[in-house]
Amino acid sequence: MYDSAAYNSLPSLRSAASLVDDTVRAHLTGPVRKLFLECNAHEQYGIVLLHKHFAIADGERLVEYRSSSTAWKVGHEQTDIVAQYEGKIVPRSYRLYNGAAVPYEFGYYQEAPRLNNTFQTMALKVLKDLGLDQIFGLRCLDEYDPSLSIEVTEGKTNIMLVRGSVPEDELIEAEHCWPRKDGHVQDHSCG
């Protein structure tokens, strides 16, 4: 069940990044990566640094559509999936919040992607068991475009840009995925 507090309670990007140390990185490249590969979920999901760039109001959801995301007014509907226009607003990112797996970011689709609920439950449990559940969440990579790997915020809109749009030393790694079985790809950074 959706609650805008699941998003609004997230820390800022810099505060979230300060929680990532060598031990945390070792968990990501060790047991977390292993789970993704063993479950063959490495092309469908990524691990995302829990953060927000701006607050949203009650009755809003952060919704991505065509490489931009902004707050959409959907009323006080608490179901995870909401019909809007000629499509649906569907969860894309999940976190553990108040002891439950909840969505906190969404996508707009004509046809909703098929999600692996069993894997989502396992991945969030592994994050909790490793003490990472307040640092990382899970993100569906359904409309992943590897050429757009830099997220910038203009006002209350997040926009995906090509790498090189922002100097590398101004970026914070915000998503981990393993599209190849032989390593880690820094998939998404925020600047």
Protein backbone atom coordinates (compact mmCIF):
# COMPACT_ATOMS: atom_id res chain seq x y z
CA MET A 1 0.00 0.00 0.00
CA TYR A 2 1.43 3.37 -1.06
CA ASP A 3 2.27 6.11 1.44
CA SER A 4 4.08 9.27 0.29
CA ALA A 5 6.03 9.15 3.57
CA ALA A 6 7.93 6.15 2.16
CA TYR A 7 9.47 8.62 -0.31
CA ASN A 8 9.53 11.78 1.82
CA SER A 9 11.33 10.03 4.70
CA LEU A 10 14.34 9.32 2.46
CA PRO A 11 17.56 11.27 3.13
CA SER A 12 19.17 13.70 0.72
CA LEU A 13 21.55 12.28 -1.88
CA ARG A 14 24.67 13.42 -0.01
CA SER A 15 23.41 12.13 3.35
CA ALA A 16 22.60 8.76 1.78
CA ALA A 17 25.99 8.55 0.08
CA SER A 18 27.76 9.17 3.40
CA LEU A 19 26.42 5.81 4.64
CA VAL A 20 28.27 3.85 1.93
CA ASP A 21 31.68 2.65 3.08
CA ASP A 22 34.03 -0.20 2.12
CA THR A 23 32.06 -2.75 4.17
CA VAL A 24 28.82 -1.76 2.45
CA ARG A 25 30.49 -1.96 -0.97
CA ALA A 26 31.84 -5.43 -0.10
CA HIS A 27 28.29 -6.61 0.68
CA LEU A 28 27.09 -5.26 -2.69
CA THR A 29 29.82 -6.94 -4.72
CA GLY A 30 29.61 -10.13 -2.63
CA PRO A 31 26.33 -11.59 -1.35
CA VAL A 32 23.99 -9.07 -3.03
CA ARG A 33 25.55 -9.54 -6.47
CA LYS A 34 25.58 -13.31 -5.95
CA LEU A 35 21.83 -13.33 -5.25
CA PHE A 36 21.08 -11.32 -8.41
CA LEU A 37 23.16 -13.66 -10.57
CA GLU A 38 21.97 -16.92 -8.97
CA CYS A 39 18.32 -15.86 -9.40
CA ASN A 40 18.99 -14.64 -12.94
CA ALA A 41 17.52 -11.27 -11.93
CA HIS A 42 20.57 -9.17 -12.86
CA GLU A 43 18.96 -7.85 -16.04
CA GLN A 44 15.56 -7.10 -14.48
CA TYR A 45 16.57 -5.40 -11.21
CA GLY A 46 19.23 -3.14 -9.73
CA ILE A 47 20.09 -1.94 -6.25
CA VAL A 48 19.42 1.76 -5.68
CA LEU A 49 20.75 4.17 -3.06
CA LEU A 50 17.75 5.33 -1.02
CA HIS A 51 17.57 9.11 -1.45
CA LYS A 52 15.33 11.92 -2.59
CA HIS A 53 16.02 15.13 -4.49
CA PHE A 54 12.89 16.98 -3.34
CA ALA A 55 9.78 16.38 -1.24
CA ILE A 56 6.39 15.51 -2.70
CA ALA A 57 2.93 16.35 -1.36
CA ASP A 58 0.36 13.91 -0.03
CA GLY A 59 -1.61 12.64 -2.99
CA GLU A 60 1.48 12.73 -5.25
CA ARG A 61 3.84 10.04 -6.52
CA LEU A 62 7.23 10.41 -8.16
CA VAL A 63 6.56 9.01 -11.64
CA GLU A 64 9.09 8.40 -14.42
CA TYR A 65 8.06 8.68 -18.04
CA ARG A 66 10.49 8.77 -20.96
CA SER A 67 13.65 9.47 -18.95
CA SER A 68 12.17 12.21 -16.74
CA SER A 69 10.43 11.90 -13.40
CA THR A 70 8.33 14.38 -11.49
CA ALA A 71 5.51 14.40 -8.95
CA TRP A 72 2.16 13.39 -10.44
CA LYS A 73 -1.08 14.15 -8.60
CA VAL A 74 -3.01 10.93 -8.17
CA GLY A 75 -5.20 11.81 -5.19
CA HIS A 76 -5.14 9.76 -2.04
CA GLU A 77 -5.37 6.40 -3.81
CA GLN A 78 -3.28 3.99 -1.75
CA THR A 79 -3.20 1.01 -4.09
CA ASP A 80 0.17 0.33 -5.68
CA ILE A 81 -1.16 0.56 -9.26
CA VAL A 82 -3.28 3.51 -10.34
CA ALA A 83 -5.03 3.96 -13.70
CA GLN A 84 -4.18 7.36 -15.19
CA TYR A 85 -4.92 8.73 -18.66
CA GLU A 86 -4.73 5.75 -21.03
CA GLY A 87 -2.19 3.83 -18.95
CA LYS A 88 -1.14 2.91 -15.44
CA ILE A 89 1.18 4.24 -12.76
CA VAL A 90 3.10 1.18 -11.56
CA PRO A 91 5.80 0.71 -8.87
CA ARG A 92 9.42 0.72 -10.13
CA SER A 93 11.36 1.09 -6.86
CA TYR A 94 10.79 -0.66 -3.54
CA ARG A 95 12.17 -0.26 -0.05
CA LEU A 96 11.57 -1.61 3.41
CA TYR A 97 9.56 0.97 5.36
CA ASN A 98 7.97 0.36 8.76
CA GLY A 99 8.78 -3.34 8.38
CA ALA A 100 7.10 -3.82 5.01
CA ALA A 101 8.18 -3.82 1.37
CA VAL A 102 6.61 -0.69 -0.15
CA PRO A 103 6.91 1.15 -3.45
CA TYR A 104 8.34 4.67 -3.37
CA GLU A 105 8.99 5.52 -7.05
CA PHE A 106 6.80 4.69 -10.03
CA GLY A 107 6.71 4.51 -13.81
CA TYR A 108 3.96 5.32 -16.29
CA TYR A 109 3.12 2.52 -18.73
CA GLN A 110 0.60 1.55 -21.36
CA GLU A 111 1.21 -2.05 -20.27
CA ALA A 112 2.62 -2.78 -16.83
CA PRO A 113 5.90 -4.73 -16.70
CA ARG A 114 5.89 -8.24 -15.26
CA LEU A 115 7.61 -8.23 -11.90
CA ASN A 116 9.19 -11.09 -10.00
CA ASN A 117 7.60 -10.73 -6.56
CA THR A 118 9.48 -13.75 -5.19
CA PHE A 119 12.83 -12.22 -6.10
CA GLN A 120 11.80 -8.80 -4.78
CA THR A 121 10.98 -10.37 -1.40
CA MET A 122 14.27 -12.31 -1.32
CA ALA A 123 16.38 -9.29 -2.32
CA LEU A 124 14.82 -7.00 0.29
CA LYS A 125 15.32 -9.72 2.93
CA VAL A 126 19.01 -10.02 2.02
CA LEU A 127 19.39 -6.23 2.31
CA LYS A 128 17.73 -6.35 5.75
CA ASP A 129 19.84 -9.31 6.91
CA LEU A 130 23.02 -7.43 5.88
CA GLY A 131 21.87 -4.23 7.62
CA LEU A 132 21.55 -2.41 4.29
CA ASP A 133 17.77 -1.95 4.17
CA GLN A 134 17.91 1.72 5.20
CA ILE A 135 20.67 2.44 2.64
CA PHE A 136 19.48 0.55 -0.44
CA GLY A 137 16.26 -0.45 -2.16
CA LEU A 138 15.35 -2.40 -5.28
CA ARG A 139 14.63 -0.92 -8.71
CA CYS A 140 13.04 -2.51 -11.76
CA LEU A 141 15.19 -1.96 -14.88
CA ASP A 142 12.32 -2.45 -17.32
CA GLU A 143 12.95 0.67 -19.43
CA TYR A 144 16.67 0.86 -18.77
CA ASP A 145 18.64 2.87 -21.34
CA PRO A 146 22.39 2.43 -20.69
CA SER A 147 23.19 5.60 -22.65
CA LEU A 148 21.25 7.70 -20.11
CA SER A 149 23.10 7.13 -16.85
CA ILE A 150 23.29 10.58 -15.25
CA GLU A 151 20.37 11.95 -13.26
CA VAL A 152 20.13 15.70 -12.67
CA THR A 153 17.39 17.61 -10.91
CA GLU A 154 15.92 20.81 -12.30
CA GLY A 155 13.29 22.25 -9.98
CA LYS A 156 11.07 19.30 -9.10
CA THR A 157 11.97 17.18 -12.12
CA ASN A 158 14.66 14.51 -12.41
CA ILE A 159 16.09 14.18 -15.92
CA MET A 160 18.28 11.38 -17.27
CA LEU A 161 21.23 12.54 -19.40
CA VAL A 162 24.19 10.92 -21.15
CA ARG A 163 27.38 10.29 -19.19
CA GLY A 164 29.70 13.26 -19.58
CA SER A 165 26.89 15.79 -19.15
CA VAL A 166 28.12 16.44 -15.60
CA PRO A 167 31.78 16.26 -14.49
CA GLU A 168 32.52 12.82 -13.00
CA ASP A 169 33.87 14.33 -9.76
CA GLU A 170 30.45 15.89 -9.09
CA LEU A 171 28.58 12.57 -9.32
CA ILE A 172 27.44 10.15 -6.64
CA GLU A 173 26.87 6.52 -7.59
CA ALA A 174 23.19 5.84 -6.97
CA GLU A 175 22.44 2.50 -8.63
CA HIS A 176 24.23 -0.82 -8.94
CA CYS A 177 23.40 -3.44 -11.51
CA TRP A 178 25.15 -6.41 -12.99
CA PRO A 179 24.10 -6.75 -16.63
CA ARG A 180 27.19 -8.86 -17.32
CA LYS A 181 27.97 -11.89 -15.25
CA ASP A 182 31.64 -10.89 -15.01
CA GLY A 183 31.45 -7.66 -13.04
CA HIS A 184 29.68 -4.60 -11.70
CA VAL A 185 28.51 -1.73 -13.79
CA GLN A 186 28.16 1.73 -12.32
CA ASP A 187 24.81 2.17 -13.91
CA HIS A 188 23.36 5.40 -12.66
CA SER A 189 24.86 8.41 -10.94
CA CYS A 190 23.30 11.58 -9.62
CA GLY A 191 24.78 15.03 -9.87
